C-alpha atoms as a PDB file:
ATOM      1  CA  MET A   1      -7.542 -34.499 -44.109  1.00  0.00           C
ATOM      2  CA  SER A   2      -5.461 -37.241 -42.094  1.00  0.00           C
ATOM      3  CA  HIS A   3      -2.924 -34.992 -40.379  1.00  0.00           C
ATOM      4  CA  ARG A   4      -3.494 -31.275 -39.500  1.00  0.00           C
ATOM      5  CA  PRO A   5      -0.478 -29.036 -39.121  1.00  0.00           C
ATOM      6  CA  SER A   6       0.695 -27.958 -35.772  1.00  0.00           C
ATOM      7  CA  CYS A   7      -0.113 -24.425 -34.502  1.00  0.00           C
ATOM      8  CA  PRO A   8       2.950 -22.968 -32.610  1.00  0.00           C
ATOM      9  CA  PHE A   9       1.397 -19.424 -32.452  1.00  0.00           C
ATOM     10  CA  VAL A  10      -2.237 -18.667 -31.975  1.00  0.00           C
ATOM     11  CA  ILE A  11      -3.705 -15.047 -32.010  1.00  0.00           C
ATOM     12  CA  GLU A  12      -7.093 -15.003 -29.960  1.00  0.00           C
ATOM     13  CA  GLY A  13      -9.354 -12.658 -32.043  1.00  0.00           C
ATOM     14  CA  PRO A  14     -12.833 -12.649 -33.402  1.00  0.00           C
ATOM     15  CA  ILE A  15     -11.751 -16.139 -34.489  1.00  0.00           C
ATOM     16  CA  LYS A  16      -8.825 -18.140 -33.849  1.00  0.00           C
ATOM     17  CA  LEU A  17      -5.816 -17.167 -36.154  1.00  0.00           C
ATOM     18  CA  LYS A  18      -3.263 -20.127 -35.860  1.00  0.00           C
ATOM     19  CA  ILE A  19       0.091 -19.362 -37.580  1.00  0.00           C
ATOM     20  CA  SER A  20       2.192 -22.343 -38.823  1.00  0.00           C
ATOM     21  CA  ILE A  21       4.560 -23.503 -41.435  1.00  0.00           C
ATOM     22  CA  VAL A  22       3.464 -26.309 -43.861  1.00  0.00           C
ATOM     23  CA  ASP A  23       4.820 -28.116 -46.878  1.00  0.00           C
ATOM     24  CA  ILE A  24       3.829 -25.995 -49.791  1.00  0.00           C
ATOM     25  CA  ASP A  25       2.873 -28.986 -52.036  1.00  0.00           C
ATOM     26  CA  ARG A  26       0.156 -29.706 -49.455  1.00  0.00           C
ATOM     27  CA  LEU A  27      -1.999 -26.683 -50.320  1.00  0.00           C
ATOM     28  CA  HIS A  28      -4.798 -26.633 -52.777  1.00  0.00           C
ATOM     29  CA  HIS A  29      -5.754 -23.799 -55.021  1.00  0.00           C
ATOM     30  CA  HIS A  30      -9.409 -22.787 -55.858  1.00  0.00           C
ATOM     31  CA  GLU A  31      -8.844 -19.967 -58.184  1.00  0.00           C
ATOM     32  CA  GLU A  32      -6.547 -19.678 -61.181  1.00  0.00           C
ATOM     33  CA  LEU A  33      -3.535 -17.471 -61.350  1.00  0.00           C
ATOM     34  CA  VAL A  34      -2.861 -13.991 -63.194  1.00  0.00           C
ATOM     35  CA  PRO A  35       0.376 -14.723 -64.778  1.00  0.00           C
ATOM     36  CA  GLY A  36       1.578 -11.031 -64.953  1.00  0.00           C
ATOM     37  CA  PHE A  37       0.724 -10.466 -61.309  1.00  0.00           C
ATOM     38  CA  LEU A  38       2.565 -13.505 -60.217  1.00  0.00           C
ATOM     39  CA  SER A  39       5.796 -12.598 -61.835  1.00  0.00           C
ATOM     40  CA  GLN A  40       5.762  -9.073 -60.202  1.00  0.00           C
ATOM     41  CA  LEU A  41       4.914 -10.495 -56.923  1.00  0.00           C
ATOM     42  CA  ALA A  42       7.785 -12.864 -56.899  1.00  0.00           C
ATOM     43  CA  GLN A  43      10.221 -10.120 -57.666  1.00  0.00           C
ATOM     44  CA  GLU A  44       8.771  -8.213 -54.580  1.00  0.00           C
ATOM     45  CA  ILE A  45       9.094 -11.122 -52.259  1.00  0.00           C
ATOM     46  CA  GLU A  46      12.678 -11.806 -53.475  1.00  0.00           C
ATOM     47  CA  ARG A  47      13.702  -8.194 -52.984  1.00  0.00           C
ATOM     48  CA  ASP A  48      12.244  -8.127 -49.419  1.00  0.00           C
ATOM     49  CA  GLY A  49      13.973 -11.304 -48.574  1.00  0.00           C
ATOM     50  CA  TYR A  50      11.122 -12.579 -46.501  1.00  0.00           C
ATOM     51  CA  LEU A  51       7.333 -13.306 -46.704  1.00  0.00           C
ATOM     52  CA  LYS A  52       5.512 -10.594 -45.206  1.00  0.00           C
ATOM     53  CA  HIS A  53       1.931 -11.840 -44.712  1.00  0.00           C
ATOM     54  CA  PRO A  54       0.867 -15.627 -44.156  1.00  0.00           C
ATOM     55  CA  VAL A  55      -1.559 -17.190 -46.590  1.00  0.00           C
ATOM     56  CA  ILE A  56      -5.130 -17.674 -45.184  1.00  0.00           C
ATOM     57  CA  VAL A  57      -5.753 -21.547 -45.316  1.00  0.00           C
ATOM     58  CA  ASP A  58      -8.691 -23.706 -44.138  1.00  0.00           C
ATOM     59  CA  GLU A  59      -7.282 -25.943 -41.446  1.00  0.00           C
ATOM     60  CA  ARG A  60      -9.127 -29.045 -42.226  1.00  0.00           C
ATOM     61  CA  THR A  61      -8.429 -29.398 -46.100  1.00  0.00           C
ATOM     62  CA  LEU A  62      -5.554 -26.779 -46.614  1.00  0.00           C
ATOM     63  CA  VAL A  63      -7.446 -25.070 -49.180  1.00  0.00           C
ATOM     64  CA  VAL A  64      -6.103 -21.673 -49.846  1.00  0.00           C
ATOM     65  CA  LEU A  65      -8.649 -18.894 -49.274  1.00  0.00           C
ATOM     66  CA  ASP A  66      -6.334 -15.826 -49.752  1.00  0.00           C
ATOM     67  CA  GLY A  67      -3.028 -15.826 -51.003  1.00  0.00           C
ATOM     68  CA  THR A  68      -2.899 -18.062 -54.163  1.00  0.00           C
ATOM     69  CA  HIS A  69      -0.255 -15.846 -55.827  1.00  0.00           C
ATOM     70  CA  ARG A  70       1.954 -15.670 -52.782  1.00  0.00           C
ATOM     71  CA  VAL A  71       2.045 -19.681 -52.740  1.00  0.00           C
ATOM     72  CA  GLU A  72       3.029 -19.854 -56.407  1.00  0.00           C
ATOM     73  CA  ALA A  73       5.517 -16.927 -56.192  1.00  0.00           C
ATOM     74  CA  LEU A  74       7.256 -18.688 -53.389  1.00  0.00           C
ATOM     75  CA  LYS A  75       7.326 -21.833 -55.545  1.00  0.00           C
ATOM     76  CA  THR A  76       9.190 -19.817 -58.053  1.00  0.00           C
ATOM     77  CA  LEU A  77      11.697 -18.677 -55.664  1.00  0.00           C
ATOM     78  CA  GLY A  78      12.533 -22.262 -54.516  1.00  0.00           C
ATOM     79  CA  CYS A  79      10.538 -22.362 -51.518  1.00  0.00           C
ATOM     80  CA  LYS A  80       9.286 -25.679 -50.157  1.00  0.00           C
ATOM     81  CA  ARG A  81       7.406 -24.330 -47.288  1.00  0.00           C
ATOM     82  CA  VAL A  82       5.051 -21.394 -46.578  1.00  0.00           C
ATOM     83  CA  VAL A  83       3.780 -19.550 -43.515  1.00  0.00           C
ATOM     84  CA  VAL A  84      -0.011 -19.983 -43.376  1.00  0.00           C
ATOM     85  CA  CYS A  85      -2.798 -18.533 -40.941  1.00  0.00           C
ATOM     86  CA  LEU A  86      -4.988 -21.447 -40.498  1.00  0.00           C
ATOM     87  CA  ILE A  87      -8.732 -20.680 -39.875  1.00  0.00           C
ATOM     88  CA  ASP A  88     -11.846 -22.742 -39.337  1.00  0.00           C
ATOM     89  CA  TYR A  89     -13.507 -22.211 -42.745  1.00  0.00           C
ATOM     90  CA  GLU A  90     -16.712 -23.684 -41.469  1.00  0.00           C
ATOM     91  CA  ASP A  91     -17.134 -20.845 -38.810  1.00  0.00           C
ATOM     92  CA  PRO A  92     -20.111 -18.825 -39.969  1.00  0.00           C
ATOM     93  CA  ARG A  93     -18.117 -15.552 -39.308  1.00  0.00           C
ATOM     94  CA  VAL A  94     -16.100 -16.330 -42.377  1.00  0.00           C
ATOM     95  CA  SER A  95     -18.389 -15.592 -45.157  1.00  0.00           C
ATOM     96  CA  LEU A  96     -18.191 -16.095 -48.857  1.00  0.00           C
ATOM     97  CA  GLY A  97     -19.553 -13.942 -51.751  1.00  0.00           C
ATOM     98  CA  CYS A  98     -18.821 -13.647 -55.489  1.00  0.00           C
ATOM     99  CA  TRP A  99     -17.861 -10.898 -58.085  1.00  0.00           C
ATOM    100  CA  TYR A 100     -20.315  -9.615 -60.629  1.00  0.00           C
ATOM    101  CA  ARG A 101     -18.849  -8.173 -63.707  1.00  0.00           C
ATOM    102  CA  THR A 102     -19.827  -4.503 -64.523  1.00  0.00           C
ATOM    103  CA  LEU A 103     -19.990  -3.513 -68.294  1.00  0.00           C
ATOM    104  CA  LYS A 104     -19.269  -0.189 -69.750  1.00  0.00           C
ATOM    105  CA  GLY A 105     -19.263   0.784 -73.567  1.00  0.00           C
ATOM    106  CA  SER A 106     -21.464   1.713 -76.485  1.00  0.00           C
ATOM    107  CA  PHE A 107     -23.758  -1.018 -77.227  1.00  0.00           C
ATOM    108  CA  SER A 108     -27.314  -1.971 -77.698  1.00  0.00           C
ATOM    109  CA  PHE A 109     -28.416  -4.588 -74.918  1.00  0.00           C
ATOM    110  CA  GLN A 110     -30.533  -6.640 -77.348  1.00  0.00           C
ATOM    111  CA  GLU A 111     -27.762  -6.636 -80.158  1.00  0.00           C
ATOM    112  CA  LEU A 112     -25.045  -7.586 -77.369  1.00  0.00           C
ATOM    113  CA  LEU A 113     -27.236 -10.565 -76.353  1.00  0.00           C
ATOM    114  CA  GLY A 114     -27.555 -11.633 -79.905  1.00  0.00           C
ATOM    115  CA  SER A 115     -23.975 -11.552 -80.667  1.00  0.00           C
ATOM    116  CA  LEU A 116     -23.240 -13.691 -77.626  1.00  0.00           C
ATOM    117  CA  ARG A 117     -25.911 -16.163 -78.731  1.00  0.00           C
ATOM    118  CA  GLU A 118     -24.381 -16.387 -82.081  1.00  0.00           C
ATOM    119  CA  GLU A 119     -20.758 -16.511 -80.994  1.00  0.00           C
ATOM    120  CA  LEU A 120     -21.007 -18.948 -78.115  1.00  0.00           C
ATOM    121  CA  GLY A 121     -24.250 -20.688 -78.934  1.00  0.00           C
ATOM    122  CA  LEU A 122     -25.874 -19.539 -75.821  1.00  0.00           C
ATOM    123  CA  GLU A 123     -29.655 -20.259 -74.879  1.00  0.00           C
ATOM    124  CA  ILE A 124     -31.159 -17.015 -73.645  1.00  0.00           C
ATOM    125  CA  GLU A 125     -34.465 -16.609 -71.970  1.00  0.00           C
ATOM    126  CA  PHE A 126     -35.686 -13.085 -71.318  1.00  0.00           C
ATOM    127  CA  SER A 127     -37.788 -11.827 -68.226  1.00  0.00           C
ATOM    128  CA  ASP A 128     -38.844  -8.954 -66.375  1.00  0.00           C
ATOM    129  CA  ASP A 129     -36.823  -9.750 -63.334  1.00  0.00           C
ATOM    130  CA  LEU A 130     -34.069 -12.093 -62.069  1.00  0.00           C
ATOM    131  CA  ARG A 131     -33.201 -12.515 -58.408  1.00  0.00           C
ATOM    132  CA  PRO A 132     -29.497 -13.120 -57.571  1.00  0.00           C
ATOM    133  CA  GLU A 133     -30.133 -16.283 -55.844  1.00  0.00           C
ATOM    134  CA  GLU A 134     -31.441 -17.917 -58.951  1.00  0.00           C
ATOM    135  CA  VAL A 135     -28.165 -17.574 -60.639  1.00  0.00           C
ATOM    136  CA  GLY A 136     -26.072 -20.647 -60.412  1.00  0.00           C
ATOM    137  CA  ILE A 137     -29.090 -22.865 -59.784  1.00  0.00           C
ATOM    138  CA  PRO A 138     -29.527 -25.238 -62.857  1.00  0.00           C
ATOM    139  CA  PRO A 139     -30.233 -24.373 -65.597  1.00  0.00           C
ATOM    140  CA  VAL A 140     -29.544 -20.668 -65.000  1.00  0.00           C
ATOM    141  CA  ALA A 141     -25.738 -20.371 -65.323  1.00  0.00           C
ATOM    142  CA  LEU A 142     -25.596 -16.781 -65.416  1.00  0.00           C
ATOM    143  CA  GLY A 143     -27.736 -13.547 -65.995  1.00  0.00           C
ATOM    144  CA  LEU A 144     -27.345 -10.162 -67.660  1.00  0.00           C
ATOM    145  CA  THR A 145     -29.266  -7.048 -67.193  1.00  0.00           C
ATOM    146  CA  ASP A 146     -29.122  -3.515 -68.549  1.00  0.00           C
ATOM    147  CA  GLY A 147     -31.440  -2.445 -65.497  1.00  0.00           C
ATOM    148  CA  LYS A 148     -34.665  -2.556 -67.856  1.00  0.00           C
ATOM    149  CA  SER A 149     -34.593  -6.024 -68.842  1.00  0.00           C
ATOM    150  CA  TYR A 150     -33.007  -9.387 -67.759  1.00  0.00           C
ATOM    151  CA  ALA A 151     -31.701 -12.327 -69.594  1.00  0.00           C
ATOM    152  CA  ARG A 152     -31.091 -15.874 -68.125  1.00  0.00           C
ATOM    153  CA  VAL A 153     -28.403 -17.700 -69.714  1.00  0.00           C
ATOM    154  CA  LEU A 154     -29.377 -21.332 -69.661  1.00  0.00           C
ATOM    155  CA  TYR A 155     -26.705 -24.111 -69.656  1.00  0.00           C
ATOM    156  CA  ASP A 156     -26.053 -27.835 -68.937  1.00  0.00           C
ATOM    157  CA  PHE A 157     -24.274 -27.724 -65.647  1.00  0.00           C
ATOM    158  CA  GLU A 158     -24.374 -29.419 -62.357  1.00  0.00           C
ATOM    159  CA  GLU A 159     -21.368 -28.231 -60.646  1.00  0.00           C
ATOM    160  CA  LYS A 160     -20.466 -24.422 -60.215  1.00  0.00           C
ATOM    161  CA  CYS A 161     -17.155 -24.641 -61.648  1.00  0.00           C
ATOM    162  CA  LYS A 162     -18.570 -25.586 -65.052  1.00  0.00           C
ATOM    163  CA  ALA A 163     -21.017 -22.487 -64.887  1.00  0.00           C
ATOM    164  CA  TRP A 164     -18.157 -20.339 -63.808  1.00  0.00           C
ATOM    165  CA  GLY A 165     -16.160 -21.580 -66.876  1.00  0.00           C
ATOM    166  CA  LEU A 166     -19.034 -20.273 -68.928  1.00  0.00           C
ATOM    167  CA  VAL A 167     -18.586 -16.920 -67.290  1.00  0.00           C
ATOM    168  CA  LYS A 168     -15.069 -16.757 -68.355  1.00  0.00           C
ATOM    169  CA  LYS A 169     -15.983 -17.494 -72.035  1.00  0.00           C
ATOM    170  CA  VAL A 170     -18.777 -14.786 -71.907  1.00  0.00           C
ATOM    171  CA  GLU A 171     -16.184 -12.184 -70.303  1.00  0.00           C
ATOM    172  CA  THR A 172     -13.627 -12.951 -73.088  1.00  0.00           C
ATOM    173  CA  ALA A 173     -16.247 -12.493 -75.739  1.00  0.00           C
ATOM    174  CA  LEU A 174     -17.204  -9.195 -74.138  1.00  0.00           C
ATOM    175  CA  ARG A 175     -13.634  -7.863 -74.143  1.00  0.00           C
ATOM    176  CA  ARG A 176     -13.270  -8.853 -77.634  1.00  0.00           C
ATOM    177  CA  ARG A 177     -16.233  -6.335 -78.259  1.00  0.00           C
ATOM    178  CA  GLY A 178     -14.122  -3.712 -76.614  1.00  0.00           C
ATOM    179  CA  LEU A 179     -16.238  -3.459 -73.438  1.00  0.00           C
ATOM    180  CA  GLU A 180     -14.813  -2.201 -70.276  1.00  0.00           C
ATOM    181  CA  ILE A 181     -15.218  -4.881 -67.440  1.00  0.00           C
ATOM    182  CA  GLY A 182     -15.092  -4.248 -63.722  1.00  0.00           C
ATOM    183  CA  PHE A 183     -15.434  -6.431 -60.632  1.00  0.00           C
ATOM    184  CA  GLU A 184     -17.830  -5.420 -57.922  1.00  0.00           C
ATOM    185  CA  VAL A 185     -19.676  -7.255 -55.277  1.00  0.00           C
ATOM    186  CA  GLU A 186     -23.496  -7.825 -56.016  1.00  0.00           C
ATOM    187  CA  GLU A 187     -24.846  -4.849 -54.045  1.00  0.00           C
ATOM    188  CA  ASP A 188     -22.265  -2.357 -55.545  1.00  0.00           C
ATOM    189  CA  ALA A 189     -22.635  -3.749 -59.228  1.00  0.00           C
ATOM    190  CA  LEU A 190     -26.552  -3.366 -59.130  1.00  0.00           C
ATOM    191  CA  ARG A 191     -26.167  -0.127 -57.338  1.00  0.00           C
ATOM    192  CA  LYS A 192     -23.836   1.573 -60.052  1.00  0.00           C
ATOM    193  CA  LEU A 193     -26.291   0.252 -62.667  1.00  0.00           C
ATOM    194  CA  VAL A 194     -29.121   2.057 -61.079  1.00  0.00           C
ATOM    195  CA  GLU A 195     -26.913   5.123 -60.829  1.00  0.00           C
ATOM    196  CA  GLY A 196     -25.987   4.861 -64.402  1.00  0.00           C
ATOM    197  CA  SER A 197     -22.202   4.712 -63.923  1.00  0.00           C
ATOM    198  CA  VAL A 198     -22.207   1.353 -65.771  1.00  0.00           C
ATOM    199  CA  ASP A 199     -24.261   0.053 -68.746  1.00  0.00           C
ATOM    200  CA  ALA A 200     -24.982  -3.587 -67.776  1.00  0.00           C
ATOM    201  CA  VAL A 201     -24.311  -6.235 -65.236  1.00  0.00           C
ATOM    202  CA  LEU A 202     -23.204  -9.819 -65.761  1.00  0.00           C
ATOM    203  CA  MET A 203     -24.747 -11.706 -62.638  1.00  0.00           C
ATOM    204  CA  THR A 204     -22.423 -14.418 -61.733  1.00  0.00           C
ATOM    205  CA  PRO A 205     -23.216 -17.832 -60.060  1.00  0.00           C
ATOM    206  CA  ARG A 206     -23.429 -17.763 -56.276  1.00  0.00           C
ATOM    207  CA  ILE A 207     -21.141 -20.353 -54.868  1.00  0.00           C
ATOM    208  CA  THR A 208     -20.828 -22.026 -51.490  1.00  0.00           C
ATOM    209  CA  LYS A 209     -17.808 -23.052 -49.135  1.00  0.00           C
ATOM    210  CA  ARG A 210     -18.632 -26.652 -50.156  1.00  0.00           C
ATOM    211  CA  ASP A 211     -18.335 -25.685 -53.771  1.00  0.00           C
ATOM    212  CA  VAL A 212     -14.880 -24.057 -52.991  1.00  0.00           C
ATOM    213  CA  VAL A 213     -13.495 -27.127 -51.192  1.00  0.00           C
ATOM    214  CA  LYS A 214     -14.908 -29.669 -53.514  1.00  0.00           C
ATOM    215  CA  THR A 215     -13.399 -27.806 -56.619  1.00  0.00           C
ATOM    216  CA  ALA A 216      -9.952 -27.253 -54.992  1.00  0.00           C
ATOM    217  CA  LEU A 217      -9.637 -30.950 -53.858  1.00  0.00           C
ATOM    218  CA  SER A 218     -10.474 -32.079 -57.264  1.00  0.00           C
ATOM    219  CA  GLY A 219      -7.574 -30.394 -58.705  1.00  0.00           C
ATOM    220  CA  ARG A 220      -9.821 -27.832 -60.758  1.00  0.00           C
ATOM    221  CA  VAL A 221      -9.958 -24.174 -60.284  1.00  0.00           C
ATOM    222  CA  PHE A 222     -12.520 -21.250 -60.748  1.00  0.00           C
ATOM    223  CA  PRO A 223     -11.622 -18.384 -62.896  1.00  0.00           C
ATOM    224  CA  HIS A 224      -9.713 -15.331 -61.345  1.00  0.00           C
ATOM    225  CA  LYS A 225     -12.156 -13.153 -59.384  1.00  0.00           C
ATOM    226  CA  THR A 226     -14.658 -15.778 -58.530  1.00  0.00           C
ATOM    227  CA  THR A 227     -14.766 -15.589 -54.670  1.00  0.00           C
ATOM    228  CA  ARG A 228     -14.817 -13.021 -52.270  1.00  0.00           C
ATOM    229  CA  HIS A 229     -13.904 -14.175 -48.748  1.00  0.00           C
ATOM    230  CA  VAL A 230     -14.577 -12.011 -45.912  1.00  0.00           C
ATOM    231  CA  ILE A 231     -12.579 -12.901 -42.758  1.00  0.00           C
ATOM    232  CA  PRO A 232     -13.100 -11.310 -39.411  1.00  0.00           C
ATOM    233  CA  ALA A 233      -9.420 -10.846 -38.625  1.00  0.00           C
ATOM    234  CA  ARG A 234      -6.017 -11.394 -40.057  1.00  0.00           C
ATOM    235  CA  PRO A 235      -2.368 -11.161 -38.873  1.00  0.00           C
ATOM    236  CA  LEU A 236       0.132  -9.174 -40.937  1.00  0.00           C
ATOM    237  CA  PHE A 237       3.867  -8.867 -41.052  1.00  0.00           C
ATOM    238  CA  VAL A 238       5.211 -12.168 -39.700  1.00  0.00           C
ATOM    239  CA  ASN A 239       8.302 -11.392 -41.877  1.00  0.00           C
ATOM    240  CA  VAL A 240       9.516 -14.780 -42.209  1.00  0.00           C
ATOM    241  CA  PRO A 241      13.005 -15.180 -43.960  1.00  0.00           C
ATOM    242  CA  LEU A 242      12.877 -16.946 -47.280  1.00  0.00           C
ATOM    243  CA  ARG A 243      15.862 -19.178 -45.992  1.00  0.00           C
ATOM    244  CA  MET A 244      13.628 -20.604 -43.456  1.00  0.00           C
ATOM    245  CA  LEU A 245      11.285 -21.600 -46.304  1.00  0.00           C
ATOM    246  CA  ARG A 246      13.810 -22.899 -48.709  1.00  0.00           C
ATOM    247  CA  GLY A 247      15.740 -25.517 -46.715  1.00  0.00           C
ATOM    248  CA  ASP A 248      14.866 -29.099 -45.727  1.00  0.00           C
ATOM    249  CA  ARG A 249      14.878 -28.626 -41.894  1.00  0.00           C
ATOM    250  CA  PRO A 250      12.186 -30.654 -40.173  1.00  0.00           C
ATOM    251  CA  LEU A 251       9.107 -28.812 -39.733  1.00  0.00           C
ATOM    252  CA  GLU A 252       9.169 -29.219 -36.080  1.00  0.00           C
ATOM    253  CA  GLU A 253      12.329 -27.168 -35.949  1.00  0.00           C
ATOM    254  CA  LEU A 254      10.915 -24.508 -38.188  1.00  0.00           C
ATOM    255  CA  ASP A 255       7.652 -24.237 -35.948  1.00  0.00           C
ATOM    256  CA  ALA A 256       9.777 -23.817 -32.966  1.00  0.00           C
ATOM    257  CA  GLN A 257      11.891 -21.162 -34.573  1.00  0.00           C
ATOM    258  CA  LEU A 258       8.663 -19.377 -35.747  1.00  0.00           C
ATOM    259  CA  LYS A 259       7.143 -19.400 -32.302  1.00  0.00           C
ATOM    260  CA  ARG A 260      10.192 -17.928 -30.682  1.00  0.00           C
ATOM    261  CA  MET A 261      10.199 -15.233 -33.489  1.00  0.00           C
ATOM    262  CA  LEU A 262       6.612 -14.292 -33.014  1.00  0.00           C
ATOM    263  CA  GLU A 263       6.493 -14.532 -29.337  1.00  0.00           C
ATOM    264  CA  ALA A 264       9.384 -11.916 -29.226  1.00  0.00           C
ATOM    265  CA  ARG A 265       7.007  -9.350 -31.276  1.00  0.00           C
ATOM    266  CA  ARG A 266       4.561  -7.039 -30.018  1.00  0.00           C
ATOM    267  CA  ILE A 267       1.165  -7.579 -31.273  1.00  0.00           C
ATOM    268  CA  VAL A 268      -0.871  -4.325 -32.143  1.00  0.00           C
ATOM    269  CA  ARG A 269      -4.521  -4.801 -32.744  1.00  0.00           C
ATOM    270  CA  LEU A 270      -6.397  -2.371 -35.113  1.00  0.00           C
ATOM    271  CA  PRO A 271     -10.081  -1.854 -35.956  1.00  0.00           C
ATOM    272  CA  PRO A 272     -11.575  -2.559 -39.313  1.00  0.00           C
ATOM    273  CA  GLY A 273     -11.256  -0.038 -41.990  1.00  0.00           C
ATOM    274  CA  ARG A 274      -7.479   0.902 -41.801  1.00  0.00           C
ATOM    275  CA  VAL A 275      -5.299   1.433 -44.882  1.00  0.00           C
ATOM    276  CA  ILE A 276      -1.932  -0.395 -44.580  1.00  0.00           C
ATOM    277  CA  GLU A 277       0.513  -0.237 -47.309  1.00  0.00           C
ATOM    278  CA  GLY A 278      -2.151   1.096 -49.721  1.00  0.00           C
ATOM    279  CA  ARG A 279      -4.611  -1.622 -49.121  1.00  0.00           C
ATOM    280  CA  ARG A 280      -7.859  -1.098 -47.058  1.00  0.00           C
ATOM    281  CA  TYR A 281      -8.718  -3.783 -44.667  1.00  0.00           C
ATOM    282  CA  GLU A 282     -12.379  -4.320 -43.761  1.00  0.00           C
ATOM    283  CA  GLU A 283     -11.596  -6.605 -41.059  1.00  0.00           C
ATOM    284  CA  GLU A 284      -9.510  -6.348 -37.846  1.00  0.00           C
ATOM    285  CA  VAL A 285      -5.896  -6.708 -38.197  1.00  0.00           C
ATOM    286  CA  PHE A 286      -3.072  -7.893 -35.999  1.00  0.00           C
ATOM    287  CA  LEU A 287       0.170  -6.287 -36.664  1.00  0.00           C
ATOM    288  CA  LEU A 288       3.299  -8.244 -35.421  1.00  0.00           C
ATOM    289  CA  GLU A 289       5.862  -5.626 -34.711  1.00  0.00           C
END
């Protein structure tokens, strides 16, 4: 990126949290939207009259890591700018995982695989084991297991975005069969399978930060619930009025105003595990009061 945004307000925490205002059209998404949620969120933001929390963005590439729906909701409300928290995505303390799909329903595992093979033309290879790190390495696009046997779904792909496209097709086919689908991190999904609280697990391709950036900058997106970013800390309640984000004032003026606003606030640092407005934050949070 040739020109990085300015950073008028910086919070020193486990990592630097650089709060700024950027042109909304400069941001790049890496996951698709959920239309129903977008409409609801836009209504909430318009009712509040301000943006509560900044969008988490990679400072080098302006790829959105958390807050895709907030960005698009602001666009529908006529905003040309957005408040972001810029972080160093390459920092090893920012981790990246993926979401497995848990399956519940009345089905025979072998019959289920047979129906997927017939409906989607999948090439399936059976085995006694499948390590999570194998999934997403060509030709293994994804895996399925009922805890007793494993199925490798083989597919012609080079980029993870294409493999995740197959995940979406399989997920859609499973929903048509009436299966209940949940989203869990790798460890929790496999634990629930062992405990018997789910009937099978769809093992999804592991992705890297490079995959995220490359896909976003190419204009493509992964399906919803692909990435799980874990960030050591985040700021909450910047509460920037929408009128600041709708106009055409120079960014320098907006950044100066943002700096004055935030410097007048008291910052409260809370440890991981706090529940705020119904959401549990596993990372540290910095409340701007």
